[in-house]
Amino acid sequence: MVLLLQYLLLFASVLALVALGGCFSEHSGVINLGLEGVMVIGALGGALVLKYMPVDAPSFFTVILTILGAIGAGMLYSTLLGVAAIHFKADQTLVGTAMNLLATALSAVIVKAINLHADSSDVSSVVYYIDNRPDLTVNIGSFEFNWFMLVALAAIIVSYIVLYKTRFGLRLMACGENPQAANSVGIDVIKMRWAGVLISGMLGGLGGIAYVTAGSSWTFENGVAGYGFLALAVMIFGQWKPHRIGLAALLFGFFRSLGSVYSGIPLLASLGIPSTVYNLLPYVISLIVLAFSSKNSAAPSAEGIPYDKSMR
């Protein structure tokens, strides 16, 4: 049960970080379906920092630079959505889909080029950083605490305070509900939407590196196994509210963790169900949950609608 709790909190942390990113973007009025791609590029930025950091660098210094690398890469990649959706008023669904497709291909090409440069026989798309990977865990008895669990909890608390207790958050949500009314009282809708998209990129990139550092290496051709879309399901089930997103992430994290630990639970192991079934559970659950909860959706009223200052 300890191992189940450990994996539950780790997977939930990744989902919560990325879902919070989508929450900020959609509260500003921009749908970010490209969270999957943002995670991949954020993971690429963080993994490359890990790869090229000196082996003898202080662990704390390495962790900070890795996180900053992931955040920077995620924010940079999210500018594609900002330019296309905010300035060119492109279809946000299509832009997000294109970002997801581009990210996996682009990251695989970059990593393969790096590996080929170092070894002409290495055509893999794996960033090898195990020697430089800092220790992100602390053993508390038999429980292995990962620092990204604390980062995710802090992100939930800070997101709630920012959205509901600050002027910035209230203005951001106003732009997602009625941008014309927000503009009429002096709020710069364009800046607010850019802020939402960039915060989304920051949290998405952070979620990407949290996903990657759970292992010793990662093949970029595999992407992030649909975690970006699971995070969207978490955001919708959480009704775009940070505290509810945290609870929803625990639910989805539970079903995702079963695929990793079911063999260690006597009852589940005795059922003889293939591991693929457990791995499918979070995606099946997301369809079921969304089917029943979408009718009560509390989505921002103006999300996905390009802002036109001349419209009233």
C-alpha atoms as a PDB file:
ATOM      1  CA  MET A   1       0.000   0.000   0.000  1.00  0.00           C
ATOM      2  CA  VAL A   2       2.921   2.320   0.635  1.00  0.00           C
ATOM      3  CA  LEU A   3       4.126   1.796  -2.928  1.00  0.00           C
ATOM      4  CA  LEU A   4       0.627   2.487  -4.233  1.00  0.00           C
ATOM      5  CA  LEU A   5       0.497   5.763  -2.296  1.00  0.00           C
ATOM      6  CA  GLN A   6       3.951   6.687  -3.562  1.00  0.00           C
ATOM      7  CA  TYR A   7       3.030   6.204  -7.225  1.00  0.00           C
ATOM      8  CA  LEU A   8      -0.399   7.779  -6.732  1.00  0.00           C
ATOM      9  CA  LEU A   9       1.101  11.021  -5.417  1.00  0.00           C
ATOM     10  CA  LEU A  10       3.820  11.069  -8.079  1.00  0.00           C
ATOM     11  CA  PHE A  11       1.431  10.615 -11.006  1.00  0.00           C
ATOM     12  CA  ALA A  12      -1.107  12.981  -9.438  1.00  0.00           C
ATOM     13  CA  SER A  13       1.612  15.635  -9.075  1.00  0.00           C
ATOM     14  CA  VAL A  14       2.384  15.530 -12.791  1.00  0.00           C
ATOM     15  CA  LEU A  15      -1.299  15.675 -13.745  1.00  0.00           C
ATOM     16  CA  ALA A  16      -2.024  18.509 -11.308  1.00  0.00           C
ATOM     17  CA  LEU A  17       0.824  20.689 -12.596  1.00  0.00           C
ATOM     18  CA  VAL A  18      -0.204  20.322 -16.228  1.00  0.00           C
ATOM     19  CA  ALA A  19      -3.934  20.672 -15.485  1.00  0.00           C
ATOM     20  CA  LEU A  20      -3.256  23.903 -13.582  1.00  0.00           C
ATOM     21  CA  GLY A  21      -1.462  25.173 -16.661  1.00  0.00           C
ATOM     22  CA  GLY A  22      -4.531  24.488 -18.773  1.00  0.00           C
ATOM     23  CA  CYS A  23      -6.664  26.139 -16.093  1.00  0.00           C
ATOM     24  CA  PHE A  24      -4.783  29.444 -16.341  1.00  0.00           C
ATOM     25  CA  SER A  25      -4.863  29.435 -20.124  1.00  0.00           C
ATOM     26  CA  GLU A  26      -8.573  28.723 -20.349  1.00  0.00           C
ATOM     27  CA  HIS A  27      -9.450  31.238 -17.630  1.00  0.00           C
ATOM     28  CA  SER A  28      -7.811  33.822 -19.879  1.00  0.00           C
ATOM     29  CA  GLY A  29      -9.976  32.665 -22.798  1.00  0.00           C
ATOM     30  CA  VAL A  30      -7.491  30.515 -24.744  1.00  0.00           C
ATOM     31  CA  ILE A  31      -7.984  26.754 -25.027  1.00  0.00           C
ATOM     32  CA  ASN A  32      -4.646  24.976 -24.747  1.00  0.00           C
ATOM     33  CA  LEU A  33      -5.041  21.537 -26.291  1.00  0.00           C
ATOM     34  CA  GLY A  34      -1.290  21.567 -26.892  1.00  0.00           C
ATOM     35  CA  LEU A  35      -0.422  20.652 -23.299  1.00  0.00           C
ATOM     36  CA  GLU A  36       0.882  17.273 -24.462  1.00  0.00           C
ATOM     37  CA  GLY A  37       3.346  19.033 -26.763  1.00  0.00           C
ATOM     38  CA  VAL A  38       4.293  21.583 -24.110  1.00  0.00           C
ATOM     39  CA  MET A  39       5.113  18.719 -21.736  1.00  0.00           C
ATOM     40  CA  VAL A  40       7.372  17.086 -24.330  1.00  0.00           C
ATOM     41  CA  ILE A  41       9.279  20.287 -25.103  1.00  0.00           C
ATOM     42  CA  GLY A  42       9.526  21.159 -21.406  1.00  0.00           C
ATOM     43  CA  ALA A  43      10.910  17.688 -20.764  1.00  0.00           C
ATOM     44  CA  LEU A  44      13.405  18.193 -23.599  1.00  0.00           C
ATOM     45  CA  GLY A  45      14.631  21.477 -22.124  1.00  0.00           C
ATOM     46  CA  GLY A  46      15.037  20.013 -18.647  1.00  0.00           C
ATOM     47  CA  ALA A  47      16.610  16.757 -19.844  1.00  0.00           C
ATOM     48  CA  LEU A  48      19.207  18.609 -21.941  1.00  0.00           C
ATOM     49  CA  VAL A  49      20.142  20.718 -18.929  1.00  0.00           C
ATOM     50  CA  LEU A  50      20.636  17.504 -16.959  1.00  0.00           C
ATOM     51  CA  LYS A  51      22.705  16.008 -19.762  1.00  0.00           C
ATOM     52  CA  TYR A  52      25.138  18.897 -20.027  1.00  0.00           C
ATOM     53  CA  MET A  53      25.441  19.829 -16.368  1.00  0.00           C
ATOM     54  CA  PRO A  54      28.826  18.919 -14.841  1.00  0.00           C
ATOM     55  CA  VAL A  55      28.610  15.664 -12.911  1.00  0.00           C
ATOM     56  CA  ASP A  56      30.182  17.269  -9.851  1.00  0.00           C
ATOM     57  CA  ALA A  57      27.773  20.237  -9.817  1.00  0.00           C
ATOM     58  CA  PRO A  58      25.865  20.723  -6.533  1.00  0.00           C
ATOM     59  CA  SER A  59      22.608  18.779  -6.544  1.00  0.00           C
ATOM     60  CA  PHE A  60      20.503  21.787  -5.519  1.00  0.00           C
ATOM     61  CA  PHE A  61      22.019  23.897  -8.300  1.00  0.00           C
ATOM     62  CA  THR A  62      21.328  21.141 -10.838  1.00  0.00           C
ATOM     63  CA  VAL A  63      17.690  20.818  -9.740  1.00  0.00           C
ATOM     64  CA  ILE A  64      17.059  24.567 -10.007  1.00  0.00           C
ATOM     65  CA  LEU A  65      18.631  24.842 -13.470  1.00  0.00           C
ATOM     66  CA  THR A  66      16.771  21.767 -14.679  1.00  0.00           C
ATOM     67  CA  ILE A  67      13.448  23.194 -13.531  1.00  0.00           C
ATOM     68  CA  LEU A  68      14.256  26.560 -15.104  1.00  0.00           C
ATOM     69  CA  GLY A  69      15.242  24.829 -18.343  1.00  0.00           C
ATOM     70  CA  ALA A  70      11.932  22.961 -18.452  1.00  0.00           C
ATOM     71  CA  ILE A  71       9.927  26.073 -17.584  1.00  0.00           C
ATOM     72  CA  GLY A  72      11.750  28.169 -20.182  1.00  0.00           C
ATOM     73  CA  ALA A  73      11.286  25.570 -22.929  1.00  0.00           C
ATOM     74  CA  GLY A  74       7.586  25.157 -22.083  1.00  0.00           C
ATOM     75  CA  MET A  75       6.959  28.899 -22.119  1.00  0.00           C
ATOM     76  CA  LEU A  76       8.865  29.340 -25.382  1.00  0.00           C
ATOM     77  CA  TYR A  77       6.873  26.597 -27.071  1.00  0.00           C
ATOM     78  CA  SER A  78       3.580  27.995 -25.783  1.00  0.00           C
ATOM     79  CA  THR A  79       4.284  31.242 -27.652  1.00  0.00           C
ATOM     80  CA  LEU A  80       3.254  29.341 -30.805  1.00  0.00           C
ATOM     81  CA  LEU A  81      -0.244  29.091 -29.348  1.00  0.00           C
ATOM     82  CA  GLY A  82      -0.151  32.724 -28.221  1.00  0.00           C
ATOM     83  CA  VAL A  83       0.825  34.104 -31.611  1.00  0.00           C
ATOM     84  CA  ALA A  84      -1.588  31.893 -33.557  1.00  0.00           C
ATOM     85  CA  ALA A  85      -4.601  32.145 -31.240  1.00  0.00           C
ATOM     86  CA  ILE A  86      -4.296  35.675 -29.871  1.00  0.00           C
ATOM     87  CA  HIS A  87      -2.845  37.650 -32.782  1.00  0.00           C
ATOM     88  CA  PHE A  88      -3.864  35.615 -35.840  1.00  0.00           C
ATOM     89  CA  LYS A  89      -7.156  34.442 -34.292  1.00  0.00           C
ATOM     90  CA  ALA A  90      -6.573  30.906 -35.534  1.00  0.00           C
ATOM     91  CA  ASP A  91      -8.697  27.951 -34.509  1.00  0.00           C
ATOM     92  CA  GLN A  92      -7.301  27.087 -31.079  1.00  0.00           C
ATOM     93  CA  THR A  93      -8.207  23.408 -31.323  1.00  0.00           C
ATOM     94  CA  LEU A  94      -6.275  22.966 -34.561  1.00  0.00           C
ATOM     95  CA  VAL A  95      -3.286  24.915 -33.239  1.00  0.00           C
ATOM     96  CA  GLY A  96      -3.124  22.768 -30.116  1.00  0.00           C
ATOM     97  CA  THR A  97      -3.353  19.566 -32.145  1.00  0.00           C
ATOM     98  CA  ALA A  98      -0.561  20.743 -34.442  1.00  0.00           C
ATOM     99  CA  MET A  99       1.593  21.605 -31.430  1.00  0.00           C
ATOM    100  CA  ASN A 100       1.183  18.077 -30.068  1.00  0.00           C
ATOM    101  CA  LEU A 101       2.216  16.510 -33.366  1.00  0.00           C
ATOM    102  CA  LEU A 102       5.134  18.882 -33.886  1.00  0.00           C
ATOM    103  CA  ALA A 103       6.578  18.530 -30.378  1.00  0.00           C
ATOM    104  CA  THR A 104       7.167  14.775 -30.502  1.00  0.00           C
ATOM    105  CA  ALA A 105       8.687  14.899 -33.979  1.00  0.00           C
ATOM    106  CA  LEU A 106      10.811  17.981 -33.286  1.00  0.00           C
ATOM    107  CA  SER A 107      12.189  16.694 -29.988  1.00  0.00           C
ATOM    108  CA  ALA A 108      13.018  13.288 -31.506  1.00  0.00           C
ATOM    109  CA  VAL A 109      14.894  14.939 -34.394  1.00  0.00           C
ATOM    110  CA  ILE A 110      16.854  17.216 -32.040  1.00  0.00           C
ATOM    111  CA  VAL A 111      17.847  14.386 -29.710  1.00  0.00           C
ATOM    112  CA  LYS A 112      18.805  12.075 -32.585  1.00  0.00           C
ATOM    113  CA  ALA A 113      20.976  14.827 -34.066  1.00  0.00           C
ATOM    114  CA  ILE A 114      22.723  15.276 -30.700  1.00  0.00           C
ATOM    115  CA  ASN A 115      23.292  11.538 -30.295  1.00  0.00           C
ATOM    116  CA  LEU A 116      24.561  11.122 -33.871  1.00  0.00           C
ATOM    117  CA  HIS A 117      26.990  13.985 -33.381  1.00  0.00           C
ATOM    118  CA  ALA A 118      28.432  12.229 -30.328  1.00  0.00           C
ATOM    119  CA  ASP A 119      28.336   8.712 -31.821  1.00  0.00           C
ATOM    120  CA  SER A 120      27.629   8.059 -35.513  1.00  0.00           C
ATOM    121  CA  SER A 121      26.155   4.645 -34.665  1.00  0.00           C
ATOM    122  CA  ASP A 122      23.657   5.981 -32.088  1.00  0.00           C
ATOM    123  CA  VAL A 123      20.339   6.721 -33.810  1.00  0.00           C
ATOM    124  CA  SER A 124      18.235   6.633 -30.633  1.00  0.00           C
ATOM    125  CA  SER A 125      16.047   9.459 -29.385  1.00  0.00           C
ATOM    126  CA  VAL A 126      17.021   8.986 -25.739  1.00  0.00           C
ATOM    127  CA  VAL A 127      18.685  11.664 -23.616  1.00  0.00           C
ATOM    128  CA  TYR A 128      21.125   9.848 -21.354  1.00  0.00           C
ATOM    129  CA  TYR A 129      21.376  11.754 -18.102  1.00  0.00           C
ATOM    130  CA  ILE A 130      21.376   9.084 -15.397  1.00  0.00           C
ATOM    131  CA  ASP A 131      24.861  10.094 -14.171  1.00  0.00           C
ATOM    132  CA  ASN A 132      23.745  13.708 -13.760  1.00  0.00           C
ATOM    133  CA  ARG A 133      20.303  13.054 -12.347  1.00  0.00           C
ATOM    134  CA  PRO A 134      20.026  14.701  -8.921  1.00  0.00           C
ATOM    135  CA  ASP A 135      18.445  12.882  -6.038  1.00  0.00           C
ATOM    136  CA  LEU A 136      14.867  14.165  -6.043  1.00  0.00           C
ATOM    137  CA  THR A 137      13.648  11.774  -3.394  1.00  0.00           C
ATOM    138  CA  VAL A 138      13.795  11.490   0.374  1.00  0.00           C
ATOM    139  CA  ASN A 139      13.088   8.189   2.113  1.00  0.00           C
ATOM    140  CA  ILE A 140      10.565   8.516   4.916  1.00  0.00           C
ATOM    141  CA  GLY A 141      10.511   5.002   6.299  1.00  0.00           C
ATOM    142  CA  SER A 142       9.507   2.824   3.339  1.00  0.00           C
ATOM    143  CA  PHE A 143       7.880   5.774   1.562  1.00  0.00           C
ATOM    144  CA  GLU A 144       9.941   7.496  -1.142  1.00  0.00           C
ATOM    145  CA  PHE A 145       8.996  11.179  -1.131  1.00  0.00           C
ATOM    146  CA  ASN A 146       9.598  13.011  -4.417  1.00  0.00           C
ATOM    147  CA  TRP A 147      10.121  16.781  -4.213  1.00  0.00           C
ATOM    148  CA  PHE A 148       7.791  17.314  -7.188  1.00  0.00           C
ATOM    149  CA  MET A 149       4.964  16.219  -4.887  1.00  0.00           C
ATOM    150  CA  LEU A 150       5.671  19.282  -2.776  1.00  0.00           C
ATOM    151  CA  VAL A 151       6.013  21.451  -5.886  1.00  0.00           C
ATOM    152  CA  ALA A 152       2.578  20.317  -7.087  1.00  0.00           C
ATOM    153  CA  LEU A 153       0.974  21.026  -3.696  1.00  0.00           C
ATOM    154  CA  ALA A 154       2.551  24.483  -3.633  1.00  0.00           C
ATOM    155  CA  ALA A 155       1.342  25.123  -7.196  1.00  0.00           C
ATOM    156  CA  ILE A 156      -2.246  24.257  -6.226  1.00  0.00           C
ATOM    157  CA  ILE A 157      -2.183  26.595  -3.218  1.00  0.00           C
ATOM    158  CA  VAL A 158      -0.510  29.441  -5.112  1.00  0.00           C
ATOM    159  CA  SER A 159      -2.869  29.018  -8.086  1.00  0.00           C
ATOM    160  CA  TYR A 160      -5.912  29.261  -5.833  1.00  0.00           C
ATOM    161  CA  ILE A 161      -4.591  32.410  -4.158  1.00  0.00           C
ATOM    162  CA  VAL A 162      -3.597  34.009  -7.462  1.00  0.00           C
ATOM    163  CA  LEU A 163      -6.908  33.305  -9.198  1.00  0.00           C
ATOM    164  CA  TYR A 164      -9.307  34.179  -6.376  1.00  0.00           C
ATOM    165  CA  LYS A 165      -7.414  36.526  -4.053  1.00  0.00           C
ATOM    166  CA  THR A 166      -5.427  38.823  -6.349  1.00  0.00           C
ATOM    167  CA  ARG A 167      -6.311  41.567  -8.782  1.00  0.00           C
ATOM    168  CA  PHE A 168      -4.353  39.803 -11.522  1.00  0.00           C
ATOM    169  CA  GLY A 169      -6.341  36.576 -11.123  1.00  0.00           C
ATOM    170  CA  LEU A 170      -9.709  38.301 -11.121  1.00  0.00           C
ATOM    171  CA  ARG A 171      -8.762  40.247 -14.240  1.00  0.00           C
ATOM    172  CA  LEU A 172      -7.542  37.079 -15.918  1.00  0.00           C
ATOM    173  CA  MET A 173     -10.837  35.297 -15.242  1.00  0.00           C
ATOM    174  CA  ALA A 174     -12.801  38.331 -16.415  1.00  0.00           C
ATOM    175  CA  CYS A 175     -11.058  38.048 -19.785  1.00  0.00           C
ATOM    176  CA  GLY A 176     -12.178  34.433 -20.063  1.00  0.00           C
ATOM    177  CA  GLU A 177     -15.766  35.218 -19.120  1.00  0.00           C
ATOM    178  CA  ASN A 178     -16.479  38.456 -20.969  1.00  0.00           C
ATOM    179  CA  PRO A 179     -13.454  40.071 -22.637  1.00  0.00           C
ATOM    180  CA  GLN A 180     -15.454  42.993 -24.037  1.00  0.00           C
ATOM    181  CA  ALA A 181     -16.714  43.921 -20.569  1.00  0.00           C
ATOM    182  CA  ALA A 182     -13.186  43.535 -19.200  1.00  0.00           C
ATOM    183  CA  ASN A 183     -11.832  45.859 -21.870  1.00  0.00           C
ATOM    184  CA  SER A 184     -14.501  48.433 -21.097  1.00  0.00           C
ATOM    185  CA  VAL A 185     -13.108  48.852 -17.566  1.00  0.00           C
ATOM    186  CA  GLY A 186      -9.525  49.225 -18.748  1.00  0.00           C
ATOM    187  CA  ILE A 187      -8.232  45.638 -18.640  1.00  0.00           C
ATOM    188  CA  ASP A 188      -5.784  44.799 -21.443  1.00  0.00           C
ATOM    189  CA  VAL A 189      -7.307  41.557 -22.717  1.00  0.00           C
ATOM    190  CA  ILE A 190      -4.408  40.786 -25.052  1.00  0.00           C
ATOM    191  CA  LYS A 191      -1.865  41.008 -22.219  1.00  0.00           C
ATOM    192  CA  MET A 192      -4.049  38.936 -19.918  1.00  0.00           C
ATOM    193  CA  ARG A 193      -4.445  36.204 -22.518  1.00  0.00           C
ATOM    194  CA  TRP A 194      -0.698  36.194 -23.137  1.00  0.00           C
ATOM    195  CA  ALA A 195      -0.152  35.874 -19.396  1.00  0.00           C
ATOM    196  CA  GLY A 196      -2.513  32.897 -19.253  1.00  0.00           C
ATOM    197  CA  VAL A 197      -0.795  31.149 -22.172  1.00  0.00           C
ATOM    198  CA  LEU A 198       2.707  31.710 -20.785  1.00  0.00           C
ATOM    199  CA  ILE A 199       1.743  30.499 -17.294  1.00  0.00           C
ATOM    200  CA  SER A 200       0.237  27.464 -18.998  1.00  0.00           C
ATOM    201  CA  GLY A 201       3.558  26.844 -20.757  1.00  0.00           C
ATOM    202  CA  MET A 202       5.459  27.273 -17.502  1.00  0.00           C
ATOM    203  CA  LEU A 203       3.375  24.717 -15.590  1.00  0.00           C
ATOM    204  CA  GLY A 204       3.158  22.366 -18.569  1.00  0.00           C
ATOM    205  CA  GLY A 205       6.941  22.365 -18.949  1.00  0.00           C
ATOM    206  CA  LEU A 206       7.333  21.758 -15.229  1.00  0.00           C
ATOM    207  CA  GLY A 207       4.945  18.827 -15.465  1.00  0.00           C
ATOM    208  CA  GLY A 208       6.972  17.470 -18.375  1.00  0.00           C
ATOM    209  CA  ILE A 209      10.248  17.353 -16.469  1.00  0.00           C
ATOM    210  CA  ALA A 210       8.452  15.886 -13.435  1.00  0.00           C
ATOM    211  CA  TYR A 211       7.230  13.076 -15.695  1.00  0.00           C
ATOM    212  CA  VAL A 212      10.683  12.439 -17.156  1.00  0.00           C
ATOM    213  CA  THR A 213      12.780  12.429 -13.996  1.00  0.00           C
ATOM    214  CA  ALA A 214      10.703   9.579 -12.577  1.00  0.00           C
ATOM    215  CA  GLY A 215      12.958   7.284 -14.688  1.00  0.00           C
ATOM    216  CA  SER A 216      16.626   7.081 -15.644  1.00  0.00           C
ATOM    217  CA  SER A 217      16.067   7.866 -19.334  1.00  0.00           C
ATOM    218  CA  TRP A 218      13.228   8.542 -21.724  1.00  0.00           C
ATOM    219  CA  THR A 219      12.556   7.943 -25.427  1.00  0.00           C
ATOM    220  CA  PHE A 220      11.164  11.114 -26.991  1.00  0.00           C
ATOM    221  CA  GLU A 221       9.464   9.234 -29.805  1.00  0.00           C
ATOM    222  CA  ASN A 222       7.032   7.889 -27.211  1.00  0.00           C
ATOM    223  CA  GLY A 223       5.902  11.342 -26.106  1.00  0.00           C
ATOM    224  CA  VAL A 224       4.320  11.491 -22.662  1.00  0.00           C
ATOM    225  CA  ALA A 225       1.801   8.668 -23.113  1.00  0.00           C
ATOM    226  CA  GLY A 226      -1.243  10.923 -23.328  1.00  0.00           C
ATOM    227  CA  TYR A 227      -0.613  12.703 -20.021  1.00  0.00           C
ATOM    228  CA  GLY A 228      -1.439  16.063 -21.598  1.00  0.00           C
ATOM    229  CA  PHE A 229      -4.907  14.832 -22.506  1.00  0.00           C
ATOM    230  CA  LEU A 230      -5.361  13.208 -19.106  1.00  0.00           C
ATOM    231  CA  ALA A 231      -4.468  16.561 -17.576  1.00  0.00           C
ATOM    232  CA  LEU A 232      -7.206  18.192 -19.664  1.00  0.00           C
ATOM    233  CA  ALA A 233      -9.650  15.621 -18.302  1.00  0.00           C
ATOM    234  CA  VAL A 234      -8.446  16.427 -14.774  1.00  0.00           C
ATOM    235  CA  MET A 235      -8.979  20.140 -15.427  1.00  0.00           C
ATOM    236  CA  ILE A 236     -12.515  19.615 -16.774  1.00  0.00           C
ATOM    237  CA  PHE A 237     -13.476  17.207 -13.981  1.00  0.00           C
ATOM    238  CA  GLY A 238     -12.028  19.719 -11.522  1.00  0.00           C
ATOM    239  CA  GLN A 239     -14.296  22.414 -13.002  1.00  0.00           C
ATOM    240  CA  TRP A 240     -11.368  24.760 -13.671  1.00  0.00           C
ATOM    241  CA  LYS A 241     -10.849  25.285  -9.919  1.00  0.00           C
ATOM    242  CA  PRO A 242      -7.344  24.623  -8.484  1.00  0.00           C
ATOM    243  CA  HIS A 243      -8.471  22.825  -5.312  1.00  0.00           C
ATOM    244  CA  ARG A 244     -10.828  20.576  -7.254  1.00  0.00           C
ATOM    245  CA  ILE A 245      -8.131  19.934  -9.837  1.00  0.00           C
ATOM    246  CA  GLY A 246      -5.923  18.655  -7.020  1.00  0.00           C
ATOM    247  CA  LEU A 247      -8.622  16.182  -5.937  1.00  0.00           C
ATOM    248  CA  ALA A 248      -9.301  15.114  -9.522  1.00  0.00           C
ATOM    249  CA  ALA A 249      -5.574  14.527 -10.049  1.00  0.00           C
ATOM    250  CA  LEU A 250      -5.575  12.158  -7.061  1.00  0.00           C
ATOM    251  CA  LEU A 251      -8.443  10.182  -8.600  1.00  0.00           C
ATOM    252  CA  PHE A 252      -6.758   9.802 -11.987  1.00  0.00           C
ATOM    253  CA  GLY A 253      -3.385   9.257 -10.334  1.00  0.00           C
ATOM    254  CA  PHE A 254      -4.860   6.350  -8.382  1.00  0.00           C
ATOM    255  CA  PHE A 255      -6.001   4.521 -11.500  1.00  0.00           C
ATOM    256  CA  ARG A 256      -2.716   5.272 -13.261  1.00  0.00           C
ATOM    257  CA  SER A 257      -0.689   3.946 -10.329  1.00  0.00           C
ATOM    258  CA  LEU A 258      -2.513   0.595 -10.419  1.00  0.00           C
ATOM    259  CA  GLY A 259      -0.691  -0.245 -13.650  1.00  0.00           C
ATOM    260  CA  SER A 260       2.631   0.047 -11.843  1.00  0.00           C
ATOM    261  CA  VAL A 261       1.874  -1.684  -8.548  1.00  0.00           C
ATOM    262  CA  TYR A 262      -0.994  -4.125  -9.166  1.00  0.00           C
ATOM    263  CA  SER A 263       1.359  -7.120  -9.059  1.00  0.00           C
ATOM    264  CA  GLY A 264       2.294  -6.206  -5.484  1.00  0.00           C
ATOM    265  CA  ILE A 265      -1.339  -6.200  -4.318  1.00  0.00           C
ATOM    266  CA  PRO A 266      -2.379  -9.829  -3.618  1.00  0.00           C
ATOM    267  CA  LEU A 267      -6.061  -9.313  -4.475  1.00  0.00           C
ATOM    268  CA  LEU A 268      -5.362  -7.686  -7.849  1.00  0.00           C
ATOM    269  CA  ALA A 269      -2.526 -10.082  -8.692  1.00  0.00           C
ATOM    270  CA  SER A 270      -4.788 -13.082  -8.040  1.00  0.00           C
ATOM    271  CA  LEU A 271      -7.307 -11.854 -10.629  1.00  0.00           C
ATOM    272  CA  GLY A 272      -4.847 -12.530 -13.439  1.00  0.00           C
ATOM    273  CA  ILE A 273      -5.821  -9.402 -15.373  1.00  0.00           C
ATOM    274  CA  PRO A 274      -3.162  -8.346 -17.937  1.00  0.00           C
ATOM    275  CA  SER A 275      -1.107  -5.258 -17.121  1.00  0.00           C
ATOM    276  CA  THR A 276      -2.363  -3.528 -20.278  1.00  0.00           C
ATOM    277  CA  VAL A 277      -5.844  -3.408 -18.777  1.00  0.00           C
ATOM    278  CA  TYR A 278      -4.561  -1.526 -15.727  1.00  0.00           C
ATOM    279  CA  ASN A 279      -2.575   0.817 -17.970  1.00  0.00           C
ATOM    280  CA  LEU A 280      -5.760   1.583 -19.911  1.00  0.00           C
ATOM    281  CA  LEU A 281      -7.772   2.350 -16.772  1.00  0.00           C
ATOM    282  CA  PRO A 282      -7.037   6.109 -16.450  1.00  0.00           C
ATOM    283  CA  TYR A 283      -8.014   6.724 -20.082  1.00  0.00           C
ATOM    284  CA  VAL A 284     -11.212   4.694 -19.799  1.00  0.00           C
ATOM    285  CA  ILE A 285     -12.072   6.394 -16.509  1.00  0.00           C
ATOM    286  CA  SER A 286     -11.491   9.800 -18.113  1.00  0.00           C
ATOM    287  CA  LEU A 287     -14.077   9.013 -20.810  1.00  0.00           C
ATOM    288  CA  ILE A 288     -16.611   7.818 -18.241  1.00  0.00           C
ATOM    289  CA  VAL A 289     -16.052  10.742 -15.890  1.00  0.00           C
ATOM    290  CA  LEU A 290     -16.252  13.349 -18.658  1.00  0.00           C
ATOM    291  CA  ALA A 291     -19.376  11.765 -20.111  1.00  0.00           C
ATOM    292  CA  PHE A 292     -21.210  12.285 -16.823  1.00  0.00           C
ATOM    293  CA  SER A 293     -19.624  15.548 -15.675  1.00  0.00           C
ATOM    294  CA  SER A 294     -19.447  17.564 -18.900  1.00  0.00           C
ATOM    295  CA  LYS A 295     -23.136  18.527 -18.725  1.00  0.00           C
ATOM    296  CA  ASN A 296     -22.385  20.481 -15.554  1.00  0.00           C
ATOM    297  CA  SER A 297     -19.341  22.145 -17.050  1.00  0.00           C
ATOM    298  CA  ALA A 298     -18.286  25.448 -15.500  1.00  0.00           C
ATOM    299  CA  ALA A 299     -15.968  26.361 -18.361  1.00  0.00           C
ATOM    300  CA  PRO A 300     -15.172  30.062 -18.874  1.00  0.00           C
ATOM    301  CA  SER A 301     -17.846  31.514 -21.158  1.00  0.00           C
ATOM    302  CA  ALA A 302     -15.472  33.039 -23.713  1.00  0.00           C
ATOM    303  CA  GLU A 303     -12.872  30.266 -23.900  1.00  0.00           C
ATOM    304  CA  GLY A 304     -11.886  29.433 -27.459  1.00  0.00           C
ATOM    305  CA  ILE A 305     -13.463  32.588 -28.865  1.00  0.00           C
ATOM    306  CA  PRO A 306     -10.922  34.914 -30.535  1.00  0.00           C
ATOM    307  CA  TYR A 307     -10.978  38.375 -28.991  1.00  0.00           C
ATOM    308  CA  ASP A 308     -12.132  41.168 -31.287  1.00  0.00           C
ATOM    309  CA  LYS A 309     -12.017  44.573 -29.653  1.00  0.00           C
ATOM    310  CA  SER A 310     -14.586  45.973 -32.094  1.00  0.00           C
ATOM    311  CA  MET A 311     -17.260  43.435 -31.069  1.00  0.00           C
ATOM    312  CA  ARG A 312     -19.703  44.167 -28.271  1.00  0.00           C
END
